[in-house]
Amino acid sequence: MSFSGLVLAAEDKHEEAFLITQQVDEARHAQHFNRLYEEVFHFDGSFEDRLQRARRDLTADYFTLFDGYLVDAHQALLSDPSNIEAKVDFVTVYHMVIEGMLALTGRTSRPPTWSGAESWPGICRRST
């Protein structure tokens, strides 16, 4: 996910610096999931190959949110970074819905079958 539109919409250097860190975090997320799909799920190929393979398991609702609402909100922000409504729309879709609801829920509600550290190296910690 690119945050370039949001970075362009920064109102001052402090906000810009914060938003750039968000973009770096997204790059880290991409690296993490690339390694997860390569090393744990054993998906072969390049980053793009693994991404396409993972997308086969997603629902139409995923595509509506990520490839529809999120892309549209980002495009609106790129078109006019000074548009506060476009900025609020992007922040709402990405930070509130995707990160705040989906990612946080997914991170905190793993199925019990995911508890074995041997099955999920680097994801789950062993209980001591």
N, C-alpha and C. Protein backbone atom coordinates (compact mmCIF):
# COMPACT_ATOMS: atom_id res chain seq x y z
N MET A 1 0.85 -1.18 0.00
CA MET A 1 0.00 0.00 0.00
C MET A 1 0.88 1.23 0.00
N SER A 2 0.58 2.13 -0.83
CA SER A 2 1.33 3.38 -0.91
C SER A 2 0.66 4.46 -0.08
N PHE A 3 1.46 5.17 0.66
CA PHE A 3 0.95 6.30 1.44
C PHE A 3 1.34 7.61 0.80
N SER A 4 1.76 7.58 -0.45
CA SER A 4 2.25 8.81 -1.07
C SER A 4 1.21 9.92 -1.07
N GLY A 5 -0.06 9.59 -1.32
CA GLY A 5 -1.10 10.61 -1.29
C GLY A 5 -1.27 11.21 0.08
N LEU A 6 -1.20 10.38 1.09
CA LEU A 6 -1.35 10.87 2.45
C LEU A 6 -0.14 11.71 2.86
N VAL A 7 1.04 11.29 2.45
CA VAL A 7 2.24 12.07 2.74
C VAL A 7 2.15 13.44 2.05
N LEU A 8 1.68 13.46 0.80
CA LEU A 8 1.50 14.73 0.09
C LEU A 8 0.49 15.63 0.78
N ALA A 9 -0.46 15.03 1.51
CA ALA A 9 -1.50 15.80 2.18
C ALA A 9 -1.08 16.31 3.56
N ALA A 10 0.14 16.00 3.98
CA ALA A 10 0.61 16.45 5.31
C ALA A 10 0.54 17.97 5.39
N GLU A 11 0.08 18.43 6.54
CA GLU A 11 -0.09 19.87 6.73
C GLU A 11 1.17 20.56 7.23
N ASP A 12 2.12 19.78 7.75
CA ASP A 12 3.39 20.36 8.19
C ASP A 12 4.45 19.27 8.20
N LYS A 13 5.68 19.65 8.49
CA LYS A 13 6.80 18.71 8.45
C LYS A 13 6.69 17.62 9.51
N HIS A 14 6.06 17.94 10.65
CA HIS A 14 5.90 16.94 11.71
C HIS A 14 4.95 15.84 11.25
N GLU A 15 3.83 16.24 10.66
CA GLU A 15 2.88 15.25 10.15
C GLU A 15 3.52 14.47 9.00
N GLU A 16 4.25 15.13 8.15
CA GLU A 16 4.92 14.46 7.04
C GLU A 16 5.90 13.39 7.55
N ALA A 17 6.68 13.73 8.57
CA ALA A 17 7.63 12.77 9.13
C ALA A 17 6.91 11.56 9.70
N PHE A 18 5.80 11.79 10.40
CA PHE A 18 5.02 10.68 10.96
C PHE A 18 4.47 9.80 9.84
N LEU A 19 3.91 10.43 8.81
CA LEU A 19 3.30 9.66 7.73
C LEU A 19 4.32 8.87 6.94
N ILE A 20 5.53 9.38 6.82
CA ILE A 20 6.59 8.63 6.14
C ILE A 20 6.90 7.36 6.94
N THR A 21 6.86 7.44 8.27
CA THR A 21 7.09 6.23 9.07
C THR A 21 5.99 5.21 8.81
N GLN A 22 4.77 5.67 8.55
CA GLN A 22 3.68 4.75 8.22
C GLN A 22 3.98 4.01 6.92
N GLN A 23 4.53 4.72 5.95
CA GLN A 23 4.86 4.10 4.68
C GLN A 23 5.96 3.05 4.87
N VAL A 24 6.92 3.34 5.72
CA VAL A 24 7.98 2.37 6.02
C VAL A 24 7.39 1.14 6.72
N ASP A 25 6.44 1.37 7.63
CA ASP A 25 5.77 0.24 8.29
C ASP A 25 5.07 -0.66 7.29
N GLU A 26 4.46 -0.07 6.28
CA GLU A 26 3.78 -0.87 5.26
C GLU A 26 4.79 -1.72 4.49
N ALA A 27 5.96 -1.18 4.22
CA ALA A 27 7.00 -1.96 3.55
C ALA A 27 7.43 -3.13 4.44
N ARG A 28 7.52 -2.90 5.73
CA ARG A 28 7.86 -3.98 6.67
C ARG A 28 6.78 -5.05 6.67
N HIS A 29 5.51 -4.63 6.66
CA HIS A 29 4.42 -5.60 6.61
C HIS A 29 4.53 -6.46 5.36
N ALA A 30 4.81 -5.84 4.23
CA ALA A 30 4.94 -6.59 2.98
C ALA A 30 6.08 -7.61 3.09
N GLN A 31 7.19 -7.20 3.66
CA GLN A 31 8.33 -8.12 3.83
C GLN A 31 7.96 -9.27 4.76
N HIS A 32 7.27 -8.95 5.85
CA HIS A 32 6.86 -9.98 6.81
C HIS A 32 5.97 -11.02 6.13
N PHE A 33 4.93 -10.56 5.46
CA PHE A 33 4.00 -11.51 4.85
C PHE A 33 4.63 -12.25 3.68
N ASN A 34 5.55 -11.63 2.99
CA ASN A 34 6.28 -12.33 1.94
C ASN A 34 7.06 -13.50 2.54
N ARG A 35 7.75 -13.24 3.64
CA ARG A 35 8.51 -14.32 4.28
C ARG A 35 7.58 -15.39 4.86
N LEU A 36 6.45 -14.97 5.43
CA LEU A 36 5.50 -15.93 5.97
C LEU A 36 5.02 -16.88 4.87
N TYR A 37 4.63 -16.31 3.75
CA TYR A 37 4.13 -17.14 2.65
C TYR A 37 5.23 -17.99 2.02
N GLU A 38 6.46 -17.51 2.05
CA GLU A 38 7.56 -18.28 1.49
C GLU A 38 8.04 -19.36 2.45
N GLU A 39 8.31 -18.99 3.70
CA GLU A 39 8.97 -19.90 4.63
C GLU A 39 8.02 -20.78 5.43
N VAL A 40 6.80 -20.32 5.68
CA VAL A 40 5.86 -21.12 6.47
C VAL A 40 4.87 -21.84 5.56
N PHE A 41 4.28 -21.12 4.62
CA PHE A 41 3.31 -21.73 3.72
C PHE A 41 3.95 -22.37 2.50
N HIS A 42 5.24 -22.11 2.29
CA HIS A 42 6.01 -22.70 1.19
C HIS A 42 5.44 -22.36 -0.19
N PHE A 43 5.04 -21.10 -0.36
CA PHE A 43 4.63 -20.61 -1.69
C PHE A 43 5.90 -20.26 -2.45
N ASP A 44 6.09 -20.85 -3.61
CA ASP A 44 7.28 -20.61 -4.41
C ASP A 44 7.16 -19.34 -5.24
N GLY A 45 8.29 -18.93 -5.81
CA GLY A 45 8.31 -17.82 -6.76
C GLY A 45 8.73 -16.51 -6.14
N SER A 46 8.45 -15.47 -6.87
CA SER A 46 8.81 -14.11 -6.45
C SER A 46 7.76 -13.55 -5.49
N PHE A 47 8.02 -12.38 -4.98
CA PHE A 47 7.06 -11.68 -4.14
C PHE A 47 5.72 -11.57 -4.87
N GLU A 48 5.76 -11.15 -6.13
CA GLU A 48 4.54 -10.97 -6.91
C GLU A 48 3.81 -12.30 -7.12
N ASP A 49 4.57 -13.37 -7.33
CA ASP A 49 3.96 -14.70 -7.49
C ASP A 49 3.22 -15.10 -6.21
N ARG A 50 3.87 -14.90 -5.07
CA ARG A 50 3.24 -15.26 -3.79
C ARG A 50 2.01 -14.40 -3.53
N LEU A 51 2.10 -13.13 -3.89
CA LEU A 51 0.95 -12.22 -3.71
C LEU A 51 -0.22 -12.70 -4.56
N GLN A 52 0.03 -13.03 -5.82
CA GLN A 52 -1.05 -13.53 -6.68
C GLN A 52 -1.63 -14.83 -6.15
N ARG A 53 -0.76 -15.71 -5.64
CA ARG A 53 -1.24 -16.98 -5.07
C ARG A 53 -2.11 -16.72 -3.85
N ALA A 54 -1.71 -15.84 -2.98
CA ALA A 54 -2.48 -15.53 -1.78
C ALA A 54 -3.83 -14.91 -2.14
N ARG A 55 -3.85 -14.08 -3.17
CA ARG A 55 -5.09 -13.41 -3.58
C ARG A 55 -6.15 -14.40 -4.07
N ARG A 56 -5.74 -15.58 -4.47
CA ARG A 56 -6.71 -16.59 -4.92
C ARG A 56 -7.63 -17.05 -3.79
N ASP A 57 -7.17 -16.89 -2.54
CA ASP A 57 -7.93 -17.36 -1.39
C ASP A 57 -8.83 -16.27 -0.79
N LEU A 58 -8.86 -15.11 -1.38
CA LEU A 58 -9.61 -13.99 -0.81
C LEU A 58 -11.03 -13.92 -1.37
N THR A 59 -11.88 -13.24 -0.63
CA THR A 59 -13.28 -13.11 -1.02
C THR A 59 -13.51 -11.84 -1.84
N ALA A 60 -14.67 -11.77 -2.44
CA ALA A 60 -15.04 -10.57 -3.21
C ALA A 60 -15.06 -9.34 -2.30
N ASP A 61 -15.42 -9.51 -1.03
CA ASP A 61 -15.44 -8.38 -0.10
C ASP A 61 -14.04 -7.80 0.10
N TYR A 62 -13.03 -8.65 0.12
CA TYR A 62 -11.66 -8.17 0.22
C TYR A 62 -11.34 -7.24 -0.95
N PHE A 63 -11.66 -7.69 -2.14
CA PHE A 63 -11.36 -6.89 -3.33
C PHE A 63 -12.16 -5.59 -3.36
N THR A 64 -13.40 -5.64 -2.88
CA THR A 64 -14.20 -4.42 -2.80
C THR A 64 -13.53 -3.41 -1.88
N LEU A 65 -13.04 -3.87 -0.73
CA LEU A 65 -12.41 -2.96 0.24
C LEU A 65 -11.03 -2.50 -0.23
N PHE A 66 -10.14 -3.43 -0.54
CA PHE A 66 -8.76 -3.08 -0.83
C PHE A 66 -8.56 -2.53 -2.25
N ASP A 67 -9.17 -3.19 -3.22
CA ASP A 67 -8.97 -2.78 -4.61
C ASP A 67 -10.01 -1.76 -5.07
N GLY A 68 -11.04 -1.56 -4.26
CA GLY A 68 -12.08 -0.60 -4.58
C GLY A 68 -11.99 0.64 -3.70
N TYR A 69 -12.53 0.55 -2.49
CA TYR A 69 -12.60 1.71 -1.60
C TYR A 69 -11.23 2.32 -1.30
N LEU A 70 -10.27 1.47 -0.97
CA LEU A 70 -8.94 1.98 -0.60
C LEU A 70 -8.25 2.64 -1.79
N VAL A 71 -8.28 1.98 -2.93
CA VAL A 71 -7.65 2.55 -4.12
C VAL A 71 -8.34 3.85 -4.53
N ASP A 72 -9.66 3.86 -4.48
CA ASP A 72 -10.40 5.08 -4.83
C ASP A 72 -10.08 6.23 -3.88
N ALA A 73 -10.01 5.93 -2.58
CA ALA A 73 -9.69 6.97 -1.60
C ALA A 73 -8.28 7.51 -1.83
N HIS A 74 -7.35 6.63 -2.16
CA HIS A 74 -5.98 7.06 -2.40
C HIS A 74 -5.90 7.90 -3.68
N GLN A 75 -6.60 7.48 -4.71
CA GLN A 75 -6.60 8.25 -5.96
C GLN A 75 -7.19 9.64 -5.75
N ALA A 76 -8.25 9.74 -4.96
CA ALA A 76 -8.84 11.05 -4.68
C ALA A 76 -7.85 11.94 -3.95
N LEU A 77 -7.10 11.36 -3.03
CA LEU A 77 -6.10 12.12 -2.29
C LEU A 77 -4.94 12.53 -3.19
N LEU A 78 -4.51 11.65 -4.06
CA LEU A 78 -3.45 12.01 -5.01
C LEU A 78 -3.91 13.13 -5.96
N SER A 79 -5.17 13.09 -6.33
CA SER A 79 -5.71 14.11 -7.24
C SER A 79 -5.72 15.49 -6.62
N ASP A 80 -5.96 15.55 -5.30
CA ASP A 80 -6.00 16.84 -4.62
C ASP A 80 -5.59 16.66 -3.16
N PRO A 81 -4.27 16.67 -2.89
CA PRO A 81 -3.79 16.47 -1.52
C PRO A 81 -4.32 17.51 -0.51
N SER A 82 -4.80 18.65 -0.99
CA SER A 82 -5.31 19.67 -0.06
C SER A 82 -6.77 19.42 0.32
N ASN A 83 -7.41 18.43 -0.28
CA ASN A 83 -8.81 18.14 -0.01
C ASN A 83 -8.94 17.38 1.31
N ILE A 84 -9.41 18.07 2.35
CA ILE A 84 -9.50 17.48 3.69
C ILE A 84 -10.48 16.31 3.71
N GLU A 85 -11.55 16.38 2.92
CA GLU A 85 -12.50 15.26 2.89
C GLU A 85 -11.85 14.01 2.30
N ALA A 86 -11.04 14.19 1.27
CA ALA A 86 -10.33 13.05 0.69
C ALA A 86 -9.35 12.46 1.70
N LYS A 87 -8.70 13.32 2.47
CA LYS A 87 -7.76 12.86 3.50
C LYS A 87 -8.50 12.06 4.58
N VAL A 88 -9.63 12.59 5.02
CA VAL A 88 -10.42 11.89 6.04
C VAL A 88 -10.93 10.56 5.50
N ASP A 89 -11.37 10.53 4.25
CA ASP A 89 -11.84 9.28 3.66
C ASP A 89 -10.73 8.23 3.65
N PHE A 90 -9.53 8.63 3.21
CA PHE A 90 -8.42 7.68 3.15
C PHE A 90 -8.05 7.18 4.54
N VAL A 91 -7.92 8.10 5.48
CA VAL A 91 -7.57 7.72 6.86
C VAL A 91 -8.64 6.80 7.45
N THR A 92 -9.90 7.09 7.17
CA THR A 92 -10.98 6.25 7.69
C THR A 92 -10.91 4.85 7.11
N VAL A 93 -10.79 4.74 5.80
CA VAL A 93 -10.75 3.42 5.17
C VAL A 93 -9.51 2.66 5.63
N TYR A 94 -8.35 3.30 5.58
CA TYR A 94 -7.13 2.55 5.89
C TYR A 94 -6.92 2.36 7.39
N HIS A 95 -6.83 3.45 8.12
CA HIS A 95 -6.45 3.33 9.53
C HIS A 95 -7.58 2.83 10.42
N MET A 96 -8.79 3.26 10.18
CA MET A 96 -9.89 2.85 11.05
C MET A 96 -10.44 1.47 10.67
N VAL A 97 -10.72 1.26 9.39
CA VAL A 97 -11.34 0.00 8.99
C VAL A 97 -10.30 -1.11 8.81
N ILE A 98 -9.31 -0.89 7.95
CA ILE A 98 -8.36 -1.96 7.64
C ILE A 98 -7.43 -2.25 8.81
N GLU A 99 -6.74 -1.24 9.30
CA GLU A 99 -5.80 -1.47 10.41
C GLU A 99 -6.53 -1.64 11.75
N GLY A 100 -7.47 -0.74 12.04
CA GLY A 100 -8.12 -0.73 13.35
C GLY A 100 -9.08 -1.86 13.58
N MET A 101 -9.74 -2.32 12.53
CA MET A 101 -10.71 -3.40 12.72
C MET A 101 -10.18 -4.73 12.21
N LEU A 102 -9.77 -4.78 10.96
CA LEU A 102 -9.39 -6.07 10.38
C LEU A 102 -8.05 -6.58 10.89
N ALA A 103 -7.01 -5.76 10.79
CA ALA A 103 -5.68 -6.23 11.18
C ALA A 103 -5.60 -6.51 12.68
N LEU A 104 -6.15 -5.62 13.48
CA LEU A 104 -6.10 -5.82 14.93
C LEU A 104 -6.90 -7.05 15.34
N THR A 105 -8.07 -7.22 14.74
CA THR A 105 -8.88 -8.40 15.04
C THR A 105 -8.15 -9.68 14.63
N GLY A 106 -7.59 -9.67 13.44
CA GLY A 106 -6.86 -10.84 12.97
C GLY A 106 -5.67 -11.18 13.83
N ARG A 107 -4.99 -10.14 14.32
CA ARG A 107 -3.80 -10.37 15.14
C ARG A 107 -4.15 -10.91 16.51
N THR A 108 -5.28 -10.51 17.06
CA THR A 108 -5.61 -10.89 18.43
C THR A 108 -6.55 -12.09 18.53
N SER A 109 -7.07 -12.57 17.41
CA SER A 109 -8.02 -13.68 17.48
C SER A 109 -7.59 -14.85 16.62
N ARG A 110 -6.34 -15.23 16.76
CA ARG A 110 -5.84 -16.39 16.01
C ARG A 110 -6.56 -17.65 16.48
N PRO A 111 -6.82 -18.57 15.57
CA PRO A 111 -7.43 -19.84 15.98
C PRO A 111 -6.50 -20.59 16.94
N PRO A 112 -7.08 -21.41 17.83
CA PRO A 112 -6.24 -22.18 18.77
C PRO A 112 -5.22 -23.05 18.07
N THR A 113 -5.49 -23.48 16.84
CA THR A 113 -4.55 -24.34 16.13
C THR A 113 -3.26 -23.63 15.77
N TRP A 114 -3.24 -22.30 15.91
CA TRP A 114 -2.05 -21.51 15.59
C TRP A 114 -1.12 -21.38 16.79
N SER A 115 -1.43 -22.03 17.88
CA SER A 115 -0.67 -21.78 19.11
C SER A 115 0.69 -22.45 19.15
N GLY A 116 0.94 -23.43 18.32
CA GLY A 116 2.21 -24.14 18.36
C GLY A 116 3.33 -23.34 17.74
N ALA A 117 4.33 -23.02 18.53
CA ALA A 117 5.46 -22.22 18.04
C ALA A 117 6.20 -22.92 16.91
N GLU A 118 6.21 -24.27 16.93
CA GLU A 118 6.90 -24.99 15.88
C GLU A 118 6.21 -24.79 14.52
N SER A 119 4.89 -24.62 14.54
CA SER A 119 4.12 -24.45 13.31
C SER A 119 4.24 -23.05 12.74
N TRP A 120 4.52 -22.10 13.59
CA TRP A 120 4.52 -20.68 13.17
C TRP A 120 5.80 -20.00 13.62
N PRO A 121 6.96 -20.41 13.11
CA PRO A 121 8.21 -19.78 13.55
C PRO A 121 8.19 -18.28 13.24
N GLY A 122 8.56 -17.51 14.26
CA GLY A 122 8.60 -16.06 14.10
C GLY A 122 7.26 -15.40 14.28
N ILE A 123 6.19 -16.17 14.40
CA ILE A 123 4.86 -15.62 14.56
C ILE A 123 4.39 -15.81 16.01
N CYS A 124 4.47 -17.03 16.51
CA CYS A 124 4.03 -17.33 17.86
C CYS A 124 5.23 -17.54 18.76
N ARG A 125 5.09 -17.12 19.99
CA ARG A 125 6.16 -17.33 20.97
C ARG A 125 5.87 -18.57 21.77
N ARG A 126 6.93 -19.22 22.19
CA ARG A 126 6.74 -20.38 23.07
C ARG A 126 6.38 -19.88 24.46
N SER A 127 5.50 -20.60 25.10
CA SER A 127 5.19 -20.30 26.49
C SER A 127 6.33 -20.80 27.35
N THR A 128 6.71 -19.99 28.34
CA THR A 128 7.80 -20.44 29.22
C THR A 128 7.29 -20.66 30.61
